[in-house]
Amino acid sequence: AFWLESDRMKQLAFSKEGLEVQRNVVIEEFKQRYLN
């Protein structure tokens, strides 16, 4: 658990593909929670 959290804090992986995947996830979350 310590390793996972420190790795996330120190060197989170940023990529264009990852951002788009998470963007779509959050948009769907917004729709489910607030609109649908």
PDB file of all heavy atoms in Angstrom:
ATOM      1  N   ALA A   1       0.829  -1.205   0.000  1.00  0.00           N
ATOM      2  CA  ALA A   1       0.000   0.000   0.000  1.00  0.00           C
ATOM      3  C   ALA A   1       0.870   1.264   0.000  1.00  0.00           C
ATOM      4  O   ALA A   1       0.590   2.226  -0.720  1.00  0.00           O
ATOM      5  CB  ALA A   1      -0.927  -0.010   1.214  1.00  0.00           C
ATOM      6  N   PHE A   2       1.931   1.258   0.808  1.00  0.00           N
ATOM      7  CA  PHE A   2       2.854   2.397   0.830  1.00  0.00           C
ATOM      8  C   PHE A   2       3.479   2.609  -0.547  1.00  0.00           C
ATOM      9  O   PHE A   2       3.581   3.731  -1.042  1.00  0.00           O
ATOM     10  CB  PHE A   2       3.962   2.157   1.867  1.00  0.00           C
ATOM     11  CG  PHE A   2       3.629   2.670   3.239  1.00  0.00           C
ATOM     12  CD1 PHE A   2       2.901   1.898   4.127  1.00  0.00           C
ATOM     13  CD2 PHE A   2       4.044   3.930   3.644  1.00  0.00           C
ATOM     14  CE1 PHE A   2       2.593   2.360   5.394  1.00  0.00           C
ATOM     15  CE2 PHE A   2       3.743   4.403   4.908  1.00  0.00           C
ATOM     16  CZ  PHE A   2       3.016   3.618   5.789  1.00  0.00           C
ATOM     17  N   TRP A   3       3.916   1.529  -1.159  1.00  0.00           N
ATOM     18  CA  TRP A   3       4.548   1.621  -2.477  1.00  0.00           C
ATOM     19  C   TRP A   3       3.571   2.190  -3.516  1.00  0.00           C
ATOM     20  O   TRP A   3       3.924   3.086  -4.300  1.00  0.00           O
ATOM     21  CB  TRP A   3       5.042   0.243  -2.918  1.00  0.00           C
ATOM     22  CG  TRP A   3       5.344   0.192  -4.386  1.00  0.00           C
ATOM     23  CD1 TRP A   3       6.334   0.860  -5.047  1.00  0.00           C
ATOM     24  CD2 TRP A   3       4.630  -0.535  -5.385  1.00  0.00           C
ATOM     25  NE1 TRP A   3       6.282   0.600  -6.395  1.00  0.00           N
ATOM     26  CE2 TRP A   3       5.247  -0.256  -6.624  1.00  0.00           C
ATOM     27  CE3 TRP A   3       3.541  -1.407  -5.345  1.00  0.00           C
ATOM     28  CZ2 TRP A   3       4.796  -0.823  -7.823  1.00  0.00           C
ATOM     29  CZ3 TRP A   3       3.101  -1.965  -6.524  1.00  0.00           C
ATOM     30  CH2 TRP A   3       3.724  -1.680  -7.748  1.00  0.00           C
ATOM     31  N   LEU A   4       2.335   1.680  -3.508  1.00  0.00           N
ATOM     32  CA  LEU A   4       1.348   2.150  -4.483  1.00  0.00           C
ATOM     33  C   LEU A   4       1.092   3.646  -4.336  1.00  0.00           C
ATOM     34  O   LEU A   4       1.074   4.392  -5.330  1.00  0.00           O
ATOM     35  CB  LEU A   4       0.030   1.377  -4.303  1.00  0.00           C
ATOM     36  CG  LEU A   4       0.003  -0.059  -4.814  1.00  0.00           C
ATOM     37  CD1 LEU A   4      -1.261  -0.759  -4.328  1.00  0.00           C
ATOM     38  CD2 LEU A   4       0.072  -0.083  -6.333  1.00  0.00           C
ATOM     39  N   GLU A   5       0.900   4.101  -3.105  1.00  0.00           N
ATOM     40  CA  GLU A   5       0.584   5.520  -2.900  1.00  0.00           C
ATOM     41  C   GLU A   5       1.778   6.415  -3.211  1.00  0.00           C
ATOM     42  O   GLU A   5       1.624   7.500  -3.782  1.00  0.00           O
ATOM     43  CB  GLU A   5       0.092   5.754  -1.468  1.00  0.00           C
ATOM     44  CG  GLU A   5      -1.267   5.146  -1.165  1.00  0.00           C
ATOM     45  CD  GLU A   5      -2.363   5.619  -2.101  1.00  0.00           C
ATOM     46  OE1 GLU A   5      -2.312   6.786  -2.555  1.00  0.00           O
ATOM     47  OE2 GLU A   5      -3.260   4.827  -2.412  1.00  0.00           O
ATOM     48  N   SER A   6       2.965   5.985  -2.840  1.00  0.00           N
ATOM     49  CA  SER A   6       4.141   6.805  -3.128  1.00  0.00           C
ATOM     50  C   SER A   6       4.412   6.860  -4.630  1.00  0.00           C
ATOM     51  O   SER A   6       4.792   7.901  -5.172  1.00  0.00           O
ATOM     52  CB  SER A   6       5.374   6.262  -2.396  1.00  0.00           C
ATOM     53  OG  SER A   6       5.730   4.977  -2.881  1.00  0.00           O
ATOM     54  N   ASP A   7       4.205   5.742  -5.310  1.00  0.00           N
ATOM     55  CA  ASP A   7       4.409   5.710  -6.762  1.00  0.00           C
ATOM     56  C   ASP A   7       3.417   6.635  -7.458  1.00  0.00           C
ATOM     57  O   ASP A   7       3.766   7.354  -8.407  1.00  0.00           O
ATOM     58  CB  ASP A   7       4.244   4.277  -7.270  1.00  0.00           C
ATOM     59  CG  ASP A   7       4.511   4.158  -8.758  1.00  0.00           C
ATOM     60  OD1 ASP A   7       5.674   4.361  -9.163  1.00  0.00           O
ATOM     61  OD2 ASP A   7       3.561   3.885  -9.512  1.00  0.00           O
ATOM     62  N   ARG A   8       2.188   6.630  -6.983  1.00  0.00           N
ATOM     63  CA  ARG A   8       1.164   7.503  -7.566  1.00  0.00           C
ATOM     64  C   ARG A   8       1.512   8.970  -7.332  1.00  0.00           C
ATOM     65  O   ARG A   8       1.326   9.818  -8.206  1.00  0.00           O
ATOM     66  CB  ARG A   8      -0.194   7.161  -6.958  1.00  0.00           C
ATOM     67  CG  ARG A   8      -1.319   8.034  -7.438  1.00  0.00           C
ATOM     68  CD  ARG A   8      -2.672   7.410  -7.284  1.00  0.00           C
ATOM     69  NE  ARG A   8      -2.841   6.639  -6.067  1.00  0.00           N
ATOM     70  CZ  ARG A   8      -3.778   5.701  -5.914  1.00  0.00           C
ATOM     71  NH1 ARG A   8      -4.585   5.423  -6.912  1.00  0.00           N
ATOM     72  NH2 ARG A   8      -3.902   5.052  -4.779  1.00  0.00           N
ATOM     73  N   MET A   9       2.021   9.287  -6.130  1.00  0.00           N
ATOM     74  CA  MET A   9       2.348  10.669  -5.807  1.00  0.00           C
ATOM     75  C   MET A   9       3.597  11.143  -6.548  1.00  0.00           C
ATOM     76  O   MET A   9       3.681  12.300  -6.977  1.00  0.00           O
ATOM     77  CB  MET A   9       2.549  10.816  -4.297  1.00  0.00           C
ATOM     78  CG  MET A   9       2.773  12.236  -3.829  1.00  0.00           C
ATOM     79  SD  MET A   9       2.950  12.351  -2.028  1.00  0.00           S
ATOM     80  CE  MET A   9       1.265  12.011  -1.488  1.00  0.00           C
ATOM     81  N   LYS A  10       4.549  10.264  -6.737  1.00  0.00           N
ATOM     82  CA  LYS A  10       5.838  10.658  -7.301  1.00  0.00           C
ATOM     83  C   LYS A  10       5.848  10.662  -8.815  1.00  0.00           C
ATOM     84  O   LYS A  10       6.453  11.522  -9.444  1.00  0.00           O
ATOM     85  CB  LYS A  10       6.930   9.714  -6.785  1.00  0.00           C
ATOM     86  CG  LYS A  10       8.343  10.130  -7.152  1.00  0.00           C
ATOM     87  CD  LYS A  10       9.354   9.212  -6.505  1.00  0.00           C
ATOM     88  CE  LYS A  10      10.781   9.666  -6.823  1.00  0.00           C
ATOM     89  NZ  LYS A  10      11.777   8.783  -6.164  1.00  0.00           N
ATOM     90  N   GLN A  11       5.192   9.690  -9.445  1.00  0.00           N
ATOM     91  CA  GLN A  11       5.323   9.564 -10.898  1.00  0.00           C
ATOM     92  C   GLN A  11       4.032   9.042 -11.536  1.00  0.00           C
ATOM     93  O   GLN A  11       4.040   8.010 -12.204  1.00  0.00           O
ATOM     94  CB  GLN A  11       6.511   8.659 -11.243  1.00  0.00           C
ATOM     95  CG  GLN A  11       6.529   7.334 -10.518  1.00  0.00           C
ATOM     96  CD  GLN A  11       7.827   6.583 -10.727  1.00  0.00           C
ATOM     97  OE1 GLN A  11       8.830   7.128 -11.179  1.00  0.00           O
ATOM     98  NE2 GLN A  11       7.809   5.287 -10.422  1.00  0.00           N
ATOM     99  N   LEU A  12       2.959   9.771 -11.312  1.00  0.00           N
ATOM    100  CA  LEU A  12       1.704   9.398 -11.961  1.00  0.00           C
ATOM    101  C   LEU A  12       1.871   9.475 -13.478  1.00  0.00           C
ATOM    102  O   LEU A  12       2.429  10.444 -14.011  1.00  0.00           O
ATOM    103  CB  LEU A  12       0.586  10.345 -11.509  1.00  0.00           C
ATOM    104  CG  LEU A  12      -0.820  10.014 -12.016  1.00  0.00           C
ATOM    105  CD1 LEU A  12      -1.320   8.721 -11.400  1.00  0.00           C
ATOM    106  CD2 LEU A  12      -1.785  11.145 -11.689  1.00  0.00           C
ATOM    107  N   ALA A  13       1.389   8.466 -14.161  1.00  0.00           N
ATOM    108  CA  ALA A  13       1.537   8.419 -15.616  1.00  0.00           C
ATOM    109  C   ALA A  13       0.489   9.293 -16.298  1.00  0.00           C
ATOM    110  O   ALA A  13      -0.711   9.091 -16.119  1.00  0.00           O
ATOM    111  CB  ALA A  13       1.402   6.971 -16.089  1.00  0.00           C
ATOM    112  N   PHE A  14       0.953  10.281 -17.043  1.00  0.00           N
ATOM    113  CA  PHE A  14       0.059  11.148 -17.813  1.00  0.00           C
ATOM    114  C   PHE A  14       0.221  10.804 -19.291  1.00  0.00           C
ATOM    115  O   PHE A  14       1.332  10.747 -19.807  1.00  0.00           O
ATOM    116  CB  PHE A  14       0.411  12.624 -17.610  1.00  0.00           C
ATOM    117  CG  PHE A  14       0.102  13.152 -16.247  1.00  0.00           C
ATOM    118  CD1 PHE A  14       1.093  13.268 -15.293  1.00  0.00           C
ATOM    119  CD2 PHE A  14      -1.191  13.545 -15.922  1.00  0.00           C
ATOM    120  CE1 PHE A  14       0.806  13.761 -14.025  1.00  0.00           C
ATOM    121  CE2 PHE A  14      -1.492  14.040 -14.657  1.00  0.00           C
ATOM    122  CZ  PHE A  14      -0.482  14.144 -13.712  1.00  0.00           C
ATOM    123  N   SER A  15      -0.895  10.585 -19.962  1.00  0.00           N
ATOM    124  CA  SER A  15      -0.855  10.347 -21.408  1.00  0.00           C
ATOM    125  C   SER A  15      -2.134  10.890 -22.032  1.00  0.00           C
ATOM    126  O   SER A  15      -3.167  10.986 -21.361  1.00  0.00           O
ATOM    127  CB  SER A  15      -0.729   8.854 -21.714  1.00  0.00           C
ATOM    128  OG  SER A  15      -1.917   8.169 -21.349  1.00  0.00           O
ATOM    129  N   LYS A  16      -2.047  11.227 -23.287  1.00  0.00           N
ATOM    130  CA  LYS A  16      -3.212  11.741 -24.001  1.00  0.00           C
ATOM    131  C   LYS A  16      -4.327  10.703 -24.012  1.00  0.00           C
ATOM    132  O   LYS A  16      -5.503  11.027 -23.810  1.00  0.00           O
ATOM    133  CB  LYS A  16      -2.825  12.121 -25.430  1.00  0.00           C
ATOM    134  CG  LYS A  16      -3.965  12.729 -26.235  1.00  0.00           C
ATOM    135  CD  LYS A  16      -3.511  13.121 -27.626  1.00  0.00           C
ATOM    136  CE  LYS A  16      -4.675  13.703 -28.431  1.00  0.00           C
ATOM    137  NZ  LYS A  16      -4.245  14.092 -29.813  1.00  0.00           N
ATOM    138  N   GLU A  17      -3.941   9.443 -24.239  1.00  0.00           N
ATOM    139  CA  GLU A  17      -4.945   8.390 -24.279  1.00  0.00           C
ATOM    140  C   GLU A  17      -5.603   8.200 -22.908  1.00  0.00           C
ATOM    141  O   GLU A  17      -6.829   8.038 -22.808  1.00  0.00           O
ATOM    142  CB  GLU A  17      -4.287   7.073 -24.712  1.00  0.00           C
ATOM    143  CG  GLU A  17      -3.751   7.065 -26.139  1.00  0.00           C
ATOM    144  CD  GLU A  17      -2.420   7.806 -26.275  1.00  0.00           C
ATOM    145  OE1 GLU A  17      -1.800   8.114 -25.216  1.00  0.00           O
ATOM    146  OE2 GLU A  17      -2.029   8.087 -27.413  1.00  0.00           O
ATOM    147  N   GLY A  18      -4.793   8.237 -21.862  1.00  0.00           N
ATOM    148  CA  GLY A  18      -5.337   8.082 -20.516  1.00  0.00           C
ATOM    149  C   GLY A  18      -6.290   9.201 -20.145  1.00  0.00           C
ATOM    150  O   GLY A  18      -7.332   8.965 -19.507  1.00  0.00           O
ATOM    151  N   LEU A  19      -5.924  10.419 -20.546  1.00  0.00           N
ATOM    152  CA  LEU A  19      -6.785  11.558 -20.256  1.00  0.00           C
ATOM    153  C   LEU A  19      -8.138  11.414 -20.939  1.00  0.00           C
ATOM    154  O   LEU A  19      -9.189  11.674 -20.333  1.00  0.00           O
ATOM    155  CB  LEU A  19      -6.108  12.858 -20.697  1.00  0.00           C
ATOM    156  CG  LEU A  19      -6.934  14.140 -20.521  1.00  0.00           C
ATOM    157  CD1 LEU A  19      -7.306  14.363 -19.056  1.00  0.00           C
ATOM    158  CD2 LEU A  19      -6.183  15.349 -21.063  1.00  0.00           C
ATOM    159  N   GLU A  20      -8.146  10.977 -22.186  1.00  0.00           N
ATOM    160  CA  GLU A  20      -9.402  10.845 -22.925  1.00  0.00           C
ATOM    161  C   GLU A  20     -10.270   9.737 -22.340  1.00  0.00           C
ATOM    162  O   GLU A  20     -11.493   9.871 -22.272  1.00  0.00           O
ATOM    163  CB  GLU A  20      -9.121  10.582 -24.408  1.00  0.00           C
ATOM    164  CG  GLU A  20      -8.500  11.762 -25.136  1.00  0.00           C
ATOM    165  CD  GLU A  20      -9.266  13.047 -24.901  1.00  0.00           C
ATOM    166  OE1 GLU A  20     -10.511  13.048 -25.012  1.00  0.00           O
ATOM    167  OE2 GLU A  20      -8.629  14.075 -24.580  1.00  0.00           O
ATOM    168  N   VAL A  21      -9.634   8.641 -21.916  1.00  0.00           N
ATOM    169  CA  VAL A  21     -10.400   7.559 -21.288  1.00  0.00           C
ATOM    170  C   VAL A  21     -11.080   8.062 -20.028  1.00  0.00           C
ATOM    171  O   VAL A  21     -12.286   7.842 -19.812  1.00  0.00           O
ATOM    172  CB  VAL A  21      -9.481   6.359 -20.963  1.00  0.00           C
ATOM    173  CG1 VAL A  21     -10.212   5.353 -20.055  1.00  0.00           C
ATOM    174  CG2 VAL A  21      -9.031   5.665 -22.241  1.00  0.00           C
ATOM    175  N   GLN A  22     -10.317   8.748 -19.179  1.00  0.00           N
ATOM    176  CA  GLN A  22     -10.876   9.226 -17.920  1.00  0.00           C
ATOM    177  C   GLN A  22     -11.881  10.358 -18.137  1.00  0.00           C
ATOM    178  O   GLN A  22     -12.841  10.494 -17.383  1.00  0.00           O
ATOM    179  CB  GLN A  22      -9.751   9.693 -16.987  1.00  0.00           C
ATOM    180  CG  GLN A  22      -8.848   8.582 -16.522  1.00  0.00           C
ATOM    181  CD  GLN A  22      -9.624   7.425 -15.900  1.00  0.00           C
ATOM    182  OE1 GLN A  22     -10.558   7.634 -15.126  1.00  0.00           O
ATOM    183  NE2 GLN A  22      -9.251   6.204 -16.259  1.00  0.00           N
ATOM    184  N   ARG A  23     -11.663  11.164 -19.166  1.00  0.00           N
ATOM    185  CA  ARG A  23     -12.632  12.215 -19.479  1.00  0.00           C
ATOM    186  C   ARG A  23     -13.999  11.605 -19.780  1.00  0.00           C
ATOM    187  O   ARG A  23     -15.031  12.059 -19.279  1.00  0.00           O
ATOM    188  CB  ARG A  23     -12.151  13.036 -20.677  1.00  0.00           C
ATOM    189  CG  ARG A  23     -13.003  14.292 -20.935  1.00  0.00           C
ATOM    190  CD  ARG A  23     -12.787  14.842 -22.338  1.00  0.00           C
ATOM    191  NE  ARG A  23     -11.388  15.031 -22.672  1.00  0.00           N
ATOM    192  CZ  ARG A  23     -10.665  16.094 -22.306  1.00  0.00           C
ATOM    193  NH1 ARG A  23     -11.218  17.046 -21.578  1.00  0.00           N
ATOM    194  NH2 ARG A  23      -9.405  16.193 -22.683  1.00  0.00           N
ATOM    195  N   ASN A  24     -14.005  10.548 -20.592  1.00  0.00           N
ATOM    196  CA  ASN A  24     -15.263   9.885 -20.934  1.00  0.00           C
ATOM    197  C   ASN A  24     -15.901   9.232 -19.708  1.00  0.00           C
ATOM    198  O   ASN A  24     -17.121   9.238 -19.555  1.00  0.00           O
ATOM    199  CB  ASN A  24     -15.020   8.836 -22.020  1.00  0.00           C
ATOM    200  CG  ASN A  24     -14.662   9.462 -23.353  1.00  0.00           C
ATOM    201  OD1 ASN A  24     -15.088  10.586 -23.655  1.00  0.00           O
ATOM    202  ND2 ASN A  24     -13.882   8.763 -24.160  1.00  0.00           N
ATOM    203  N   VAL A  25     -15.069   8.673 -18.825  1.00  0.00           N
ATOM    204  CA  VAL A  25     -15.574   8.062 -17.595  1.00  0.00           C
ATOM    205  C   VAL A  25     -16.274   9.117 -16.731  1.00  0.00           C
ATOM    206  O   VAL A  25     -17.372   8.889 -16.220  1.00  0.00           O
ATOM    207  CB  VAL A  25     -14.431   7.395 -16.806  1.00  0.00           C
ATOM    208  CG1 VAL A  25     -14.907   6.997 -15.406  1.00  0.00           C
ATOM    209  CG2 VAL A  25     -13.910   6.169 -17.548  1.00  0.00           C
ATOM    210  N   VAL A  26     -15.641  10.276 -16.579  1.00  0.00           N
ATOM    211  CA  VAL A  26     -16.196  11.324 -15.721  1.00  0.00           C
ATOM    212  C   VAL A  26     -17.453  11.933 -16.346  1.00  0.00           C
ATOM    213  O   VAL A  26     -18.408  12.257 -15.638  1.00  0.00           O
ATOM    214  CB  VAL A  26     -15.134  12.413 -15.439  1.00  0.00           C
ATOM    215  CG1 VAL A  26     -15.736  13.539 -14.602  1.00  0.00           C
ATOM    216  CG2 VAL A  26     -13.943  11.807 -14.710  1.00  0.00           C
ATOM    217  N   ILE A  27     -17.470  12.070 -17.657  1.00  0.00           N
ATOM    218  CA  ILE A  27     -18.672  12.575 -18.331  1.00  0.00           C
ATOM    219  C   ILE A  27     -19.845  11.630 -18.096  1.00  0.00           C
ATOM    220  O   ILE A  27     -20.971  12.062 -17.805  1.00  0.00           O
ATOM    221  CB  ILE A  27     -18.416  12.769 -19.839  1.00  0.00           C
ATOM    222  CG1 ILE A  27     -17.502  13.987 -20.064  1.00  0.00           C
ATOM    223  CG2 ILE A  27     -19.734  12.952 -20.599  1.00  0.00           C
ATOM    224  CD1 ILE A  27     -17.084  14.183 -21.508  1.00  0.00           C
ATOM    225  N   GLU A  28     -19.590  10.327 -18.201  1.00  0.00           N
ATOM    226  CA  GLU A  28     -20.652   9.355 -17.940  1.00  0.00           C
ATOM    227  C   GLU A  28     -21.110   9.404 -16.485  1.00  0.00           C
ATOM    228  O   GLU A  28     -22.299   9.274 -16.190  1.00  0.00           O
ATOM    229  CB  GLU A  28     -20.171   7.951 -18.298  1.00  0.00           C
ATOM    230  CG  GLU A  28     -20.131   7.675 -19.791  1.00  0.00           C
ATOM    231  CD  GLU A  28     -21.471   7.944 -20.466  1.00  0.00           C
ATOM    232  OE1 GLU A  28     -22.495   7.438 -19.971  1.00  0.00           O
ATOM    233  OE2 GLU A  28     -21.498   8.685 -21.467  1.00  0.00           O
ATOM    234  N   GLU A  29     -20.151   9.603 -15.587  1.00  0.00           N
ATOM    235  CA  GLU A  29     -20.495   9.732 -14.171  1.00  0.00           C
ATOM    236  C   GLU A  29     -21.382  10.953 -13.946  1.00  0.00           C
ATOM    237  O   GLU A  29     -22.365  10.893 -13.203  1.00  0.00           O
ATOM    238  CB  GLU A  29     -19.218   9.860 -13.339  1.00  0.00           C
ATOM    239  CG  GLU A  29     -19.467  10.015 -11.845  1.00  0.00           C
ATOM    240  CD  GLU A  29     -18.194  10.272 -11.067  1.00  0.00           C
ATOM    241  OE1 GLU A  29     -17.096  10.064 -11.626  1.00  0.00           O
ATOM    242  OE2 GLU A  29     -18.290  10.692  -9.891  1.00  0.00           O
ATOM    243  N   PHE A  30     -21.048  12.059 -14.610  1.00  0.00           N
ATOM    244  CA  PHE A  30     -21.846  13.279 -14.507  1.00  0.00           C
ATOM    245  C   PHE A  30     -23.271  13.024 -14.995  1.00  0.00           C
ATOM    246  O   PHE A  30     -24.249  13.417 -14.344  1.00  0.00           O
ATOM    247  CB  PHE A  30     -21.186  14.396 -15.332  1.00  0.00           C
ATOM    248  CG  PHE A  30     -21.818  15.750 -15.159  1.00  0.00           C
ATOM    249  CD1 PHE A  30     -21.245  16.695 -14.322  1.00  0.00           C
ATOM    250  CD2 PHE A  30     -22.991  16.095 -15.832  1.00  0.00           C
ATOM    251  CE1 PHE A  30     -21.823  17.951 -14.157  1.00  0.00           C
ATOM    252  CE2 PHE A  30     -23.568  17.332 -15.672  1.00  0.00           C
ATOM    253  CZ  PHE A  30     -22.992  18.273 -14.825  1.00  0.00           C
ATOM    254  N   LYS A  31     -23.391  12.353 -16.126  1.00  0.00           N
ATOM    255  CA  LYS A  31     -24.713  12.079 -16.688  1.00  0.00           C
ATOM    256  C   LYS A  31     -25.530  11.182 -15.757  1.00  0.00           C
ATOM    257  O   LYS A  31     -26.711  11.439 -15.513  1.00  0.00           O
ATOM    258  CB  LYS A  31     -24.568  11.409 -18.058  1.00  0.00           C
ATOM    259  CG  LYS A  31     -24.049  12.322 -19.152  1.00  0.00           C
ATOM    260  CD  LYS A  31     -23.895  11.564 -20.466  1.00  0.00           C
ATOM    261  CE  LYS A  31     -23.394  12.460 -21.579  1.00  0.00           C
ATOM    262  NZ  LYS A  31     -23.178  11.701 -22.848  1.00  0.00           N
ATOM    263  N   GLN A  32     -24.900  10.134 -15.237  1.00  0.00           N
ATOM    264  CA  GLN A  32     -25.624   9.197 -14.381  1.00  0.00           C
ATOM    265  C   GLN A  32     -26.055   9.853 -13.073  1.00  0.00           C
ATOM    266  O   GLN A  32     -27.160   9.630 -12.595  1.00  0.00           O
ATOM    267  CB  GLN A  32     -24.731   7.987 -14.080  1.00  0.00           C
ATOM    268  CG  GLN A  32     -24.508   7.088 -15.278  1.00  0.00           C
ATOM    269  CD  GLN A  32     -23.591   5.913 -14.966  1.00  0.00           C
ATOM    270  OE1 GLN A  32     -23.393   5.582 -13.812  1.00  0.00           O
ATOM    271  NE2 GLN A  32     -23.035   5.299 -15.988  1.00  0.00           N
ATOM    272  N   ARG A  33     -25.180  10.671 -12.506  1.00  0.00           N
ATOM    273  CA  ARG A  33     -25.463  11.245 -11.198  1.00  0.00           C
ATOM    274  C   ARG A  33     -26.409  12.437 -11.276  1.00  0.00           C
ATOM    275  O   ARG A  33     -27.288  12.597 -10.425  1.00  0.00           O
ATOM    276  CB  ARG A  33     -24.154  11.668 -10.530  1.00  0.00           C
ATOM    277  CG  ARG A  33     -24.344  12.288  -9.151  1.00  0.00           C
ATOM    278  CD  ARG A  33     -23.015  12.659  -8.528  1.00  0.00           C
ATOM    279  NE  ARG A  33     -22.167  11.504  -8.306  1.00  0.00           N
ATOM    280  CZ  ARG A  33     -20.938  11.575  -7.785  1.00  0.00           C
ATOM    281  NH1 ARG A  33     -20.430  12.738  -7.454  1.00  0.00           N
ATOM    282  NH2 ARG A  33     -20.227  10.478  -7.605  1.00  0.00           N
ATOM    283  N   TYR A  34     -26.240  13.282 -12.294  1.00  0.00           N
ATOM    284  CA  TYR A  34     -26.958  14.560 -12.321  1.00  0.00           C
ATOM    285  C   TYR A  34     -28.040  14.683 -13.393  1.00  0.00           C
ATOM    286  O   TYR A  34     -28.961  15.470 -13.237  1.00  0.00           O
ATOM    287  CB  TYR A  34     -25.964  15.712 -12.504  1.00  0.00           C
ATOM    288  CG  TYR A  34     -25.001  15.861 -11.355  1.00  0.00           C
ATOM    289  CD1 TYR A  34     -23.668  15.480 -11.489  1.00  0.00           C
ATOM    290  CD2 TYR A  34     -25.419  16.365 -10.129  1.00  0.00           C
ATOM    291  CE1 TYR A  34     -22.773  15.612 -10.432  1.00  0.00           C
ATOM    292  CE2 TYR A  34     -24.541  16.506  -9.073  1.00  0.00           C
ATOM    293  CZ  TYR A  34     -23.223  16.123  -9.224  1.00  0.00           C
ATOM    294  OH  TYR A  34     -22.346  16.256  -8.173  1.00  0.00           O
ATOM    295  N   LEU A  35     -27.917  13.936 -14.485  1.00  0.00           N
ATOM    296  CA  LEU A  35     -28.828  14.171 -15.606  1.00  0.00           C
ATOM    297  C   LEU A  35     -29.792  13.025 -15.877  1.00  0.00           C
ATOM    298  O   LEU A  35     -30.900  13.261 -16.366  1.00  0.00           O
ATOM    299  CB  LEU A  35     -28.014  14.450 -16.881  1.00  0.00           C
ATOM    300  CG  LEU A  35     -27.020  15.611 -16.801  1.00  0.00           C
ATOM    301  CD1 LEU A  35     -26.328  15.793 -18.152  1.00  0.00           C
ATOM    302  CD2 LEU A  35     -27.711  16.911 -16.375  1.00  0.00           C
ATOM    303  N   ASN A  36     -29.382  11.804 -15.579  1.00  0.00           N
ATOM    304  CA  ASN A  36     -30.176  10.649 -15.991  1.00  0.00           C
ATOM    305  C   ASN A  36     -30.951   9.991 -14.866  1.00  0.00           C
ATOM    306  O   ASN A  36     -31.341   8.833 -14.975  1.00  0.00           O
ATOM    307  CB  ASN A  36     -29.269   9.604 -16.658  1.00  0.00           C
ATOM    308  CG  ASN A  36     -28.662  10.123 -17.948  1.00  0.00           C
ATOM    309  OD1 ASN A  36     -29.146  11.090 -18.537  1.00  0.00           O
ATOM    310  ND2 ASN A  36     -27.583   9.492 -18.387  1.00  0.00           N
TER     311      ASN A  36
END
